[in-house]
Amino acid sequence: MTEASIEKRLVEGVKKLGGMCLKFVSPSMTGVPDRLIITADGKVIFAELKTETGRLSKIQKYTIGEMQKRGADVRVVKGLAEVKQLLAEIEGRSKPDEV
């Protein structure tokens, strides 16, 4: 599964749960996560999406680390299974449903 199709599933899933899943771009800083999720109840989660075998670049590791040091909820989501897991968490379920 491609990173684009994984991203599409996340966007669709967050929208179904009443949230927003915005493309996150920062012209002045590289290595920022792909998506900014705002849940229906206002929780903010940054998500960097990868395929099951994808790896973070050095700048992504650095930027994500700096964000987390400041208290940001940043997730590296690898593959469809982890998308389902994150959506289940957002919805308040302990396990993802089968799709």
PDB file of N, CA and C in Angstrom:
ATOM      1  N   MET A   1       0.849  -1.176   0.000  1.00  0.00           N
ATOM      2  CA  MET A   1       0.000   0.000   0.000  1.00  0.00           C
ATOM      3  C   MET A   1       0.899   1.245   0.000  1.00  0.00           C
ATOM      4  N   THR A   2       0.553   2.208  -0.822  1.00  0.00           N
ATOM      5  CA  THR A   2       1.362   3.417  -0.935  1.00  0.00           C
ATOM      6  C   THR A   2       1.083   4.372   0.224  1.00  0.00           C
ATOM      7  N   GLU A   3       2.023   5.283   0.444  1.00  0.00           N
ATOM      8  CA  GLU A   3       1.836   6.288   1.491  1.00  0.00           C
ATOM      9  C   GLU A   3       0.615   7.159   1.191  1.00  0.00           C
ATOM     10  N   ALA A   4       0.382   7.456  -0.076  1.00  0.00           N
ATOM     11  CA  ALA A   4      -0.775   8.273  -0.458  1.00  0.00           C
ATOM     12  C   ALA A   4      -2.090   7.579  -0.119  1.00  0.00           C
ATOM     13  N   SER A   5      -2.165   6.272  -0.335  1.00  0.00           N
ATOM     14  CA  SER A   5      -3.405   5.554  -0.020  1.00  0.00           C
ATOM     15  C   SER A   5      -3.590   5.411   1.487  1.00  0.00           C
ATOM     16  N   ILE A   6      -2.508   5.292   2.234  1.00  0.00           N
ATOM     17  CA  ILE A   6      -2.574   5.253   3.695  1.00  0.00           C
ATOM     18  C   ILE A   6      -3.086   6.601   4.203  1.00  0.00           C
ATOM     19  N   GLU A   7      -2.552   7.673   3.625  1.00  0.00           N
ATOM     20  CA  GLU A   7      -2.963   9.022   4.011  1.00  0.00           C
ATOM     21  C   GLU A   7      -4.449   9.242   3.710  1.00  0.00           C
ATOM     22  N   LYS A   8      -4.898   8.775   2.568  1.00  0.00           N
ATOM     23  CA  LYS A   8      -6.306   8.918   2.182  1.00  0.00           C
ATOM     24  C   LYS A   8      -7.215   8.218   3.195  1.00  0.00           C
ATOM     25  N   ARG A   9      -6.838   7.021   3.628  1.00  0.00           N
ATOM     26  CA  ARG A   9      -7.645   6.284   4.608  1.00  0.00           C
ATOM     27  C   ARG A   9      -7.706   7.028   5.937  1.00  0.00           C
ATOM     28  N   LEU A  10      -6.596   7.640   6.346  1.00  0.00           N
ATOM     29  CA  LEU A  10      -6.592   8.416   7.587  1.00  0.00           C
ATOM     30  C   LEU A  10      -7.527   9.614   7.465  1.00  0.00           C
ATOM     31  N   VAL A  11      -7.410  10.358   6.370  1.00  0.00           N
ATOM     32  CA  VAL A  11      -8.241  11.545   6.158  1.00  0.00           C
ATOM     33  C   VAL A  11      -9.724  11.165   6.186  1.00  0.00           C
ATOM     34  N   GLU A  12     -10.095  10.134   5.449  1.00  0.00           N
ATOM     35  CA  GLU A  12     -11.486   9.685   5.408  1.00  0.00           C
ATOM     36  C   GLU A  12     -11.971   9.242   6.788  1.00  0.00           C
ATOM     37  N   GLY A  13     -11.144   8.496   7.497  1.00  0.00           N
ATOM     38  CA  GLY A  13     -11.518   7.994   8.816  1.00  0.00           C
ATOM     39  C   GLY A  13     -11.713   9.095   9.837  1.00  0.00           C
ATOM     40  N   VAL A  14     -10.824  10.068   9.844  1.00  0.00           N
ATOM     41  CA  VAL A  14     -10.943  11.187  10.786  1.00  0.00           C
ATOM     42  C   VAL A  14     -12.210  11.987  10.486  1.00  0.00           C
ATOM     43  N   LYS A  15     -12.478  12.222   9.208  1.00  0.00           N
ATOM     44  CA  LYS A  15     -13.689  12.965   8.827  1.00  0.00           C
ATOM     45  C   LYS A  15     -14.944  12.226   9.274  1.00  0.00           C
ATOM     46  N   LYS A  16     -14.973  10.896   9.120  1.00  0.00           N
ATOM     47  CA  LYS A  16     -16.127  10.101   9.544  1.00  0.00           C
ATOM     48  C   LYS A  16     -16.365  10.227  11.048  1.00  0.00           C
ATOM     49  N   LEU A  17     -15.302  10.473  11.792  1.00  0.00           N
ATOM     50  CA  LEU A  17     -15.413  10.610  13.248  1.00  0.00           C
ATOM     51  C   LEU A  17     -15.701  12.051  13.665  1.00  0.00           C
ATOM     52  N   GLY A  18     -15.944  12.917  12.693  1.00  0.00           N
ATOM     53  CA  GLY A  18     -16.298  14.304  12.995  1.00  0.00           C
ATOM     54  C   GLY A  18     -15.123  15.233  13.189  1.00  0.00           C
ATOM     55  N   GLY A  19     -13.924  14.763  12.851  1.00  0.00           N
ATOM     56  CA  GLY A  19     -12.729  15.582  13.016  1.00  0.00           C
ATOM     57  C   GLY A  19     -12.263  16.191  11.705  1.00  0.00           C
ATOM     58  N   MET A  20     -11.133  16.849  11.789  1.00  0.00           N
ATOM     59  CA  MET A  20     -10.483  17.444  10.625  1.00  0.00           C
ATOM     60  C   MET A  20      -9.097  16.828  10.494  1.00  0.00           C
ATOM     61  N   CYS A  21      -8.670  16.597   9.263  1.00  0.00           N
ATOM     62  CA  CYS A  21      -7.346  16.027   9.022  1.00  0.00           C
ATOM     63  C   CYS A  21      -6.685  16.889   7.950  1.00  0.00           C
ATOM     64  N   LEU A  22      -5.986  17.895   8.404  1.00  0.00           N
ATOM     65  CA  LEU A  22      -5.430  18.911   7.522  1.00  0.00           C
ATOM     66  C   LEU A  22      -4.031  18.546   7.043  1.00  0.00           C
ATOM     67  N   LYS A  23      -3.747  18.858   5.792  1.00  0.00           N
ATOM     68  CA  LYS A  23      -2.384  18.709   5.274  1.00  0.00           C
ATOM     69  C   LYS A  23      -1.538  19.749   5.988  1.00  0.00           C
ATOM     70  N   PHE A  24      -0.429  19.335   6.592  1.00  0.00           N
ATOM     71  CA  PHE A  24       0.398  20.243   7.380  1.00  0.00           C
ATOM     72  C   PHE A  24       1.664  20.548   6.592  1.00  0.00           C
ATOM     73  N   VAL A  25       1.834  21.828   6.247  1.00  0.00           N
ATOM     74  CA  VAL A  25       3.013  22.276   5.519  1.00  0.00           C
ATOM     75  C   VAL A  25       3.561  23.498   6.237  1.00  0.00           C
ATOM     76  N   SER A  26       4.848  23.507   6.467  1.00  0.00           N
ATOM     77  CA  SER A  26       5.492  24.650   7.100  1.00  0.00           C
ATOM     78  C   SER A  26       6.622  25.116   6.190  1.00  0.00           C
ATOM     79  N   PRO A  27       6.400  26.170   5.416  1.00  0.00           N
ATOM     80  CA  PRO A  27       7.412  26.623   4.459  1.00  0.00           C
ATOM     81  C   PRO A  27       8.767  26.954   5.090  1.00  0.00           C
ATOM     82  N   SER A  28       8.757  27.366   6.346  1.00  0.00           N
ATOM     83  CA  SER A  28      10.016  27.767   6.970  1.00  0.00           C
ATOM     84  C   SER A  28      10.722  26.642   7.720  1.00  0.00           C
ATOM     85  N   MET A  29      10.118  25.444   7.751  1.00  0.00           N
ATOM     86  CA  MET A  29      10.731  24.340   8.493  1.00  0.00           C
ATOM     87  C   MET A  29      10.495  23.018   7.767  1.00  0.00           C
ATOM     88  N   THR A  30      11.548  22.265   7.593  1.00  0.00           N
ATOM     89  CA  THR A  30      11.417  20.953   6.959  1.00  0.00           C
ATOM     90  C   THR A  30      11.256  19.873   8.020  1.00  0.00           C
ATOM     91  N   GLY A  31      10.734  18.738   7.594  1.00  0.00           N
ATOM     92  CA  GLY A  31      10.622  17.595   8.491  1.00  0.00           C
ATOM     93  C   GLY A  31       9.373  17.568   9.344  1.00  0.00           C
ATOM     94  N   VAL A  32       8.409  18.462   9.065  1.00  0.00           N
ATOM     95  CA  VAL A  32       7.184  18.468   9.864  1.00  0.00           C
ATOM     96  C   VAL A  32       6.298  17.289   9.456  1.00  0.00           C
ATOM     97  N   PRO A  33       5.437  16.819  10.366  1.00  0.00           N
ATOM     98  CA  PRO A  33       4.546  15.696  10.038  1.00  0.00           C
ATOM     99  C   PRO A  33       3.601  16.038   8.881  1.00  0.00           C
ATOM    100  N   ASP A  34       3.089  14.989   8.226  1.00  0.00           N
ATOM    101  CA  ASP A  34       2.220  15.136   7.062  1.00  0.00           C
ATOM    102  C   ASP A  34       0.867  15.755   7.381  1.00  0.00           C
ATOM    103  N   ARG A  35       0.277  15.360   8.498  1.00  0.00           N
ATOM    104  CA  ARG A  35      -1.100  15.726   8.792  1.00  0.00           C
ATOM    105  C   ARG A  35      -1.271  16.299  10.190  1.00  0.00           C
ATOM    106  N   LEU A  36      -2.203  17.212  10.293  1.00  0.00           N
ATOM    107  CA  LEU A  36      -2.607  17.813  11.559  1.00  0.00           C
ATOM    108  C   LEU A  36      -4.052  17.370  11.782  1.00  0.00           C
ATOM    109  N   ILE A  37      -4.273  16.566  12.803  1.00  0.00           N
ATOM    110  CA  ILE A  37      -5.605  16.044  13.105  1.00  0.00           C
ATOM    111  C   ILE A  37      -6.184  16.851  14.256  1.00  0.00           C
ATOM    112  N   ILE A  38      -7.414  17.308  14.066  1.00  0.00           N
ATOM    113  CA  ILE A  38      -8.163  17.934  15.155  1.00  0.00           C
ATOM    114  C   ILE A  38      -9.396  17.065  15.340  1.00  0.00           C
ATOM    115  N   THR A  39      -9.482  16.396  16.484  1.00  0.00           N
ATOM    116  CA  THR A  39     -10.590  15.479  16.723  1.00  0.00           C
ATOM    117  C   THR A  39     -11.871  16.254  17.000  1.00  0.00           C
ATOM    118  N   ALA A  40     -12.991  15.551  16.991  1.00  0.00           N
ATOM    119  CA  ALA A  40     -14.293  16.174  17.233  1.00  0.00           C
ATOM    120  C   ALA A  40     -14.342  16.867  18.595  1.00  0.00           C
ATOM    121  N   ASP A  41     -13.565  16.366  19.554  1.00  0.00           N
ATOM    122  CA  ASP A  41     -13.554  16.986  20.887  1.00  0.00           C
ATOM    123  C   ASP A  41     -12.379  17.943  21.090  1.00  0.00           C
ATOM    124  N   GLY A  42     -11.688  18.287  19.998  1.00  0.00           N
ATOM    125  CA  GLY A  42     -10.662  19.323  20.052  1.00  0.00           C
ATOM    126  C   GLY A  42      -9.245  18.879  20.351  1.00  0.00           C
ATOM    127  N   LYS A  43      -8.997  17.589  20.445  1.00  0.00           N
ATOM    128  CA  LYS A  43      -7.632  17.109  20.661  1.00  0.00           C
ATOM    129  C   LYS A  43      -6.835  17.295  19.363  1.00  0.00           C
ATOM    130  N   VAL A  44      -5.573  17.693  19.498  1.00  0.00           N
ATOM    131  CA  VAL A  44      -4.714  17.918  18.337  1.00  0.00           C
ATOM    132  C   VAL A  44      -3.628  16.839  18.299  1.00  0.00           C
ATOM    133  N   ILE A  45      -3.508  16.191  17.150  1.00  0.00           N
ATOM    134  CA  ILE A  45      -2.505  15.142  16.945  1.00  0.00           C
ATOM    135  C   ILE A  45      -1.809  15.420  15.616  1.00  0.00           C
ATOM    136  N   PHE A  46      -0.498  15.419  15.619  1.00  0.00           N
ATOM    137  CA  PHE A  46       0.280  15.510  14.389  1.00  0.00           C
ATOM    138  C   PHE A  46       0.610  14.084  13.957  1.00  0.00           C
ATOM    139  N   ALA A  47       0.440  13.773  12.672  1.00  0.00           N
ATOM    140  CA  ALA A  47       0.687  12.415  12.188  1.00  0.00           C
ATOM    141  C   ALA A  47       1.646  12.432  11.008  1.00  0.00           C
ATOM    142  N   GLU A  48       2.729  11.687  11.139  1.00  0.00           N
ATOM    143  CA  GLU A  48       3.652  11.448  10.033  1.00  0.00           C
ATOM    144  C   GLU A  48       3.334  10.055   9.513  1.00  0.00           C
ATOM    145  N   LEU A  49       2.973   9.968   8.259  1.00  0.00           N
ATOM    146  CA  LEU A  49       2.548   8.706   7.676  1.00  0.00           C
ATOM    147  C   LEU A  49       3.661   8.063   6.874  1.00  0.00           C
ATOM    148  N   LYS A  50       3.764   6.746   7.037  1.00  0.00           N
ATOM    149  CA  LYS A  50       4.764   5.953   6.322  1.00  0.00           C
ATOM    150  C   LYS A  50       4.137   4.638   5.890  1.00  0.00           C
ATOM    151  N   THR A  51       4.732   4.016   4.887  1.00  0.00           N
ATOM    152  CA  THR A  51       4.351   2.651   4.558  1.00  0.00           C
ATOM    153  C   THR A  51       4.870   1.743   5.676  1.00  0.00           C
ATOM    154  N   GLU A  52       4.500   0.482   5.621  1.00  0.00           N
ATOM    155  CA  GLU A  52       4.943  -0.453   6.661  1.00  0.00           C
ATOM    156  C   GLU A  52       6.464  -0.517   6.771  1.00  0.00           C
ATOM    157  N   THR A  53       7.153  -0.286   5.669  1.00  0.00           N
ATOM    158  CA  THR A  53       8.614  -0.365   5.673  1.00  0.00           C
ATOM    159  C   THR A  53       9.289   1.006   5.611  1.00  0.00           C
ATOM    160  N   GLY A  54       8.487   2.065   5.584  1.00  0.00           N
ATOM    161  CA  GLY A  54       9.036   3.415   5.478  1.00  0.00           C
ATOM    162  C   GLY A  54       9.792   3.831   6.732  1.00  0.00           C
ATOM    163  N   ARG A  55      10.780   4.715   6.550  1.00  0.00           N
ATOM    164  CA  ARG A  55      11.586   5.178   7.681  1.00  0.00           C
ATOM    165  C   ARG A  55      11.647   6.688   7.697  1.00  0.00           C
ATOM    166  N   LEU A  56      11.788   7.221   8.891  1.00  0.00           N
ATOM    167  CA  LEU A  56      11.924   8.670   9.042  1.00  0.00           C
ATOM    168  C   LEU A  56      13.302   9.121   8.584  1.00  0.00           C
ATOM    169  N   SER A  57      13.347  10.289   7.954  1.00  0.00           N
ATOM    170  CA  SER A  57      14.629  10.892   7.617  1.00  0.00           C
ATOM    171  C   SER A  57      15.222  11.511   8.892  1.00  0.00           C
ATOM    172  N   LYS A  58      16.472  11.888   8.829  1.00  0.00           N
ATOM    173  CA  LYS A  58      17.117  12.516   9.989  1.00  0.00           C
ATOM    174  C   LYS A  58      16.402  13.800  10.391  1.00  0.00           C
ATOM    175  N   ILE A  59      16.020  14.622   9.403  1.00  0.00           N
ATOM    176  CA  ILE A  59      15.354  15.886   9.730  1.00  0.00           C
ATOM    177  C   ILE A  59      13.968  15.632  10.316  1.00  0.00           C
ATOM    178  N   GLN A  60      13.280  14.594   9.847  1.00  0.00           N
ATOM    179  CA  GLN A  60      11.976  14.251  10.429  1.00  0.00           C
ATOM    180  C   GLN A  60      12.137  13.810  11.886  1.00  0.00           C
ATOM    181  N   LYS A  61      13.132  12.983  12.155  1.00  0.00           N
ATOM    182  CA  LYS A  61      13.381  12.547  13.540  1.00  0.00           C
ATOM    183  C   LYS A  61      13.663  13.753  14.435  1.00  0.00           C
ATOM    184  N   TYR A  62      14.487  14.662  13.945  1.00  0.00           N
ATOM    185  CA  TYR A  62      14.839  15.850  14.718  1.00  0.00           C
ATOM    186  C   TYR A  62      13.605  16.720  14.983  1.00  0.00           C
ATOM    187  N   THR A  63      12.865  17.035  13.922  1.00  0.00           N
ATOM    188  CA  THR A  63      11.711  17.919  14.054  1.00  0.00           C
ATOM    189  C   THR A  63      10.643  17.305  14.953  1.00  0.00           C
ATOM    190  N   ILE A  64      10.349  16.038  14.762  1.00  0.00           N
ATOM    191  CA  ILE A  64       9.360  15.356  15.605  1.00  0.00           C
ATOM    192  C   ILE A  64       9.824  15.349  17.060  1.00  0.00           C
ATOM    193  N   GLY A  65      11.090  15.098  17.286  1.00  0.00           N
ATOM    194  CA  GLY A  65      11.637  15.129  18.647  1.00  0.00           C
ATOM    195  C   GLY A  65      11.489  16.494  19.299  1.00  0.00           C
ATOM    196  N   GLU A  66      11.771  17.550  18.531  1.00  0.00           N
ATOM    197  CA  GLU A  66      11.630  18.910  19.060  1.00  0.00           C
ATOM    198  C   GLU A  66      10.170  19.226  19.385  1.00  0.00           C
ATOM    199  N   MET A  67       9.267  18.780  18.555  1.00  0.00           N
ATOM    200  CA  MET A  67       7.839  18.990  18.811  1.00  0.00           C
ATOM    201  C   MET A  67       7.401  18.243  20.072  1.00  0.00           C
ATOM    202  N   GLN A  68       7.842  17.000  20.199  1.00  0.00           N
ATOM    203  CA  GLN A  68       7.471  16.193  21.369  1.00  0.00           C
ATOM    204  C   GLN A  68       8.070  16.756  22.652  1.00  0.00           C
ATOM    205  N   LYS A  69       9.284  17.302  22.585  1.00  0.00           N
ATOM    206  CA  LYS A  69       9.886  17.922  23.771  1.00  0.00           C
ATOM    207  C   LYS A  69       9.037  19.064  24.294  1.00  0.00           C
ATOM    208  N   ARG A  70       8.282  19.675  23.404  1.00  0.00           N
ATOM    209  CA  ARG A  70       7.437  20.806  23.776  1.00  0.00           C
ATOM    210  C   ARG A  70       5.997  20.385  24.097  1.00  0.00           C
ATOM    211  N   GLY A  71       5.795  19.074  24.166  1.00  0.00           N
ATOM    212  CA  GLY A  71       4.496  18.557  24.586  1.00  0.00           C
ATOM    213  C   GLY A  71       3.517  18.231  23.475  1.00  0.00           C
ATOM    214  N   ALA A  72       3.929  18.340  22.225  1.00  0.00           N
ATOM    215  CA  ALA A  72       3.029  18.033  21.113  1.00  0.00           C
ATOM    216  C   ALA A  72       2.815  16.523  21.013  1.00  0.00           C
ATOM    217  N   ASP A  73       1.602  16.136  20.670  1.00  0.00           N
ATOM    218  CA  ASP A  73       1.259  14.735  20.436  1.00  0.00           C
ATOM    219  C   ASP A  73       1.562  14.442  18.974  1.00  0.00           C
ATOM    220  N   VAL A  74       2.710  13.831  18.725  1.00  0.00           N
ATOM    221  CA  VAL A  74       3.146  13.519  17.367  1.00  0.00           C
ATOM    222  C   VAL A  74       3.236  12.004  17.234  1.00  0.00           C
ATOM    223  N   ARG A  75       2.608  11.476  16.193  1.00  0.00           N
ATOM    224  CA  ARG A  75       2.592  10.037  15.958  1.00  0.00           C
ATOM    225  C   ARG A  75       3.231   9.715  14.615  1.00  0.00           C
ATOM    226  N   VAL A  76       3.989   8.649  14.582  1.00  0.00           N
ATOM    227  CA  VAL A  76       4.470   8.088  13.327  1.00  0.00           C
ATOM    228  C   VAL A  76       3.571   6.883  13.076  1.00  0.00           C
ATOM    229  N   VAL A  77       2.804   6.951  12.006  1.00  0.00           N
ATOM    230  CA  VAL A  77       1.793   5.947  11.699  1.00  0.00           C
ATOM    231  C   VAL A  77       2.267   5.175  10.478  1.00  0.00           C
ATOM    232  N   LYS A  78       2.546   3.875  10.694  1.00  0.00           N
ATOM    233  CA  LYS A  78       3.091   3.038   9.624  1.00  0.00           C
ATOM    234  C   LYS A  78       2.052   2.029   9.163  1.00  0.00           C
ATOM    235  N   GLY A  79       1.564   2.218   7.959  1.00  0.00           N
ATOM    236  CA  GLY A  79       0.661   1.257   7.354  1.00  0.00           C
ATOM    237  C   GLY A  79      -0.785   1.387   7.793  1.00  0.00           C
ATOM    238  N   LEU A  80      -1.625   0.638   7.105  1.00  0.00           N
ATOM    239  CA  LEU A  80      -3.063   0.683   7.335  1.00  0.00           C
ATOM    240  C   LEU A  80      -3.445   0.193   8.729  1.00  0.00           C
ATOM    241  N   ALA A  81      -2.762  -0.819   9.230  1.00  0.00           N
ATOM    242  CA  ALA A  81      -3.092  -1.341  10.561  1.00  0.00           C
ATOM    243  C   ALA A  81      -2.922  -0.261  11.632  1.00  0.00           C
ATOM    244  N   GLU A  82      -1.880   0.547  11.522  1.00  0.00           N
ATOM    245  CA  GLU A  82      -1.662   1.607  12.505  1.00  0.00           C
ATOM    246  C   GLU A  82      -2.628   2.770  12.301  1.00  0.00           C
ATOM    247  N   VAL A  83      -3.083   2.991  11.062  1.00  0.00           N
ATOM    248  CA  VAL A  83      -4.129   3.985  10.822  1.00  0.00           C
ATOM    249  C   VAL A  83      -5.392   3.549  11.557  1.00  0.00           C
ATOM    250  N   LYS A  84      -5.764   2.282  11.393  1.00  0.00           N
ATOM    251  CA  LYS A  84      -6.952   1.749  12.070  1.00  0.00           C
ATOM    252  C   LYS A  84      -6.823   1.865  13.580  1.00  0.00           C
ATOM    253  N   GLN A  85      -5.640   1.600  14.095  1.00  0.00           N
ATOM    254  CA  GLN A  85      -5.391   1.692  15.537  1.00  0.00           C
ATOM    255  C   GLN A  85      -5.557   3.133  16.018  1.00  0.00           C
ATOM    256  N   LEU A  86      -5.026   4.094  15.273  1.00  0.00           N
ATOM    257  CA  LEU A  86      -5.157   5.503  15.655  1.00  0.00           C
ATOM    258  C   LEU A  86      -6.619   5.946  15.592  1.00  0.00           C
ATOM    259  N   LEU A  87      -7.342   5.525  14.553  1.00  0.00           N
ATOM    260  CA  LEU A  87      -8.753   5.885  14.441  1.00  0.00           C
ATOM    261  C   LEU A  87      -9.564   5.297  15.599  1.00  0.00           C
ATOM    262  N   ALA A  88      -9.237   4.075  15.990  1.00  0.00           N
ATOM    263  CA  ALA A  88      -9.924   3.458  17.136  1.00  0.00           C
ATOM    264  C   ALA A  88      -9.655   4.256  18.402  1.00  0.00           C
ATOM    265  N   GLU A  89      -8.415   4.702  18.569  1.00  0.00           N
ATOM    266  CA  GLU A  89      -8.063   5.520  19.736  1.00  0.00           C
ATOM    267  C   GLU A  89      -8.834   6.842  19.725  1.00  0.00           C
ATOM    268  N   ILE A  90      -8.893   7.471  18.574  1.00  0.00           N
ATOM    269  CA  ILE A  90      -9.618   8.742  18.458  1.00  0.00           C
ATOM    270  C   ILE A  90     -11.095   8.542  18.801  1.00  0.00           C
ATOM    271  N   GLU A  91     -11.638   7.423  18.370  1.00  0.00           N
ATOM    272  CA  GLU A  91     -13.055   7.146  18.616  1.00  0.00           C
ATOM    273  C   GLU A  91     -13.305   6.676  20.052  1.00  0.00           C
ATOM    274  N   GLY A  92     -12.233   6.318  20.750  1.00  0.00           N
ATOM    275  CA  GLY A  92     -12.387   5.876  22.133  1.00  0.00           C
ATOM    276  C   GLY A  92     -12.541   4.379  22.286  1.00  0.00           C
ATOM    277  N   ARG A  93     -12.202   3.645  21.227  1.00  0.00           N
ATOM    278  CA  ARG A  93     -12.251   2.181  21.295  1.00  0.00           C
ATOM    279  C   ARG A  93     -10.856   1.656  21.570  1.00  0.00           C
ATOM    280  N   SER A  94     -10.783   0.490  22.181  1.00  0.00           N
ATOM    281  CA  SER A  94      -9.475  -0.069  22.492  1.00  0.00           C
ATOM    282  C   SER A  94      -8.901  -0.869  21.327  1.00  0.00           C
ATOM    283  N   LYS A  95      -9.757  -1.386  20.430  1.00  0.00           N
ATOM    284  CA  LYS A  95      -9.272  -2.180  19.296  1.00  0.00           C
ATOM    285  C   LYS A  95      -9.918  -1.695  18.007  1.00  0.00           C
ATOM    286  N   PRO A  96      -9.157  -1.707  16.916  1.00  0.00           N
ATOM    287  CA  PRO A  96      -9.738  -1.289  15.635  1.00  0.00           C
ATOM    288  C   PRO A  96     -10.694  -2.337  15.093  1.00  0.00           C
ATOM    289  N   ASP A  97     -11.740  -1.891  14.380  1.00  0.00           N
ATOM    290  CA  ASP A  97     -12.642  -2.798  13.685  1.00  0.00           C
ATOM    291  C   ASP A  97     -11.954  -3.297  12.428  1.00  0.00           C
ATOM    292  N   GLU A  98     -12.366  -4.435  11.988  1.00  0.00           N
ATOM    293  CA  GLU A  98     -11.843  -4.936  10.714  1.00  0.00           C
ATOM    294  C   GLU A  98     -12.467  -4.137   9.580  1.00  0.00           C
ATOM    295  N   VAL A  99     -11.678  -3.852   8.563  1.00  0.00           N
ATOM    296  CA  VAL A  99     -12.187  -3.126   7.400  1.00  0.00           C
ATOM    297  C   VAL A  99     -12.155  -4.033   6.201  1.00  0.00           C
TER     298      VAL A  99
END
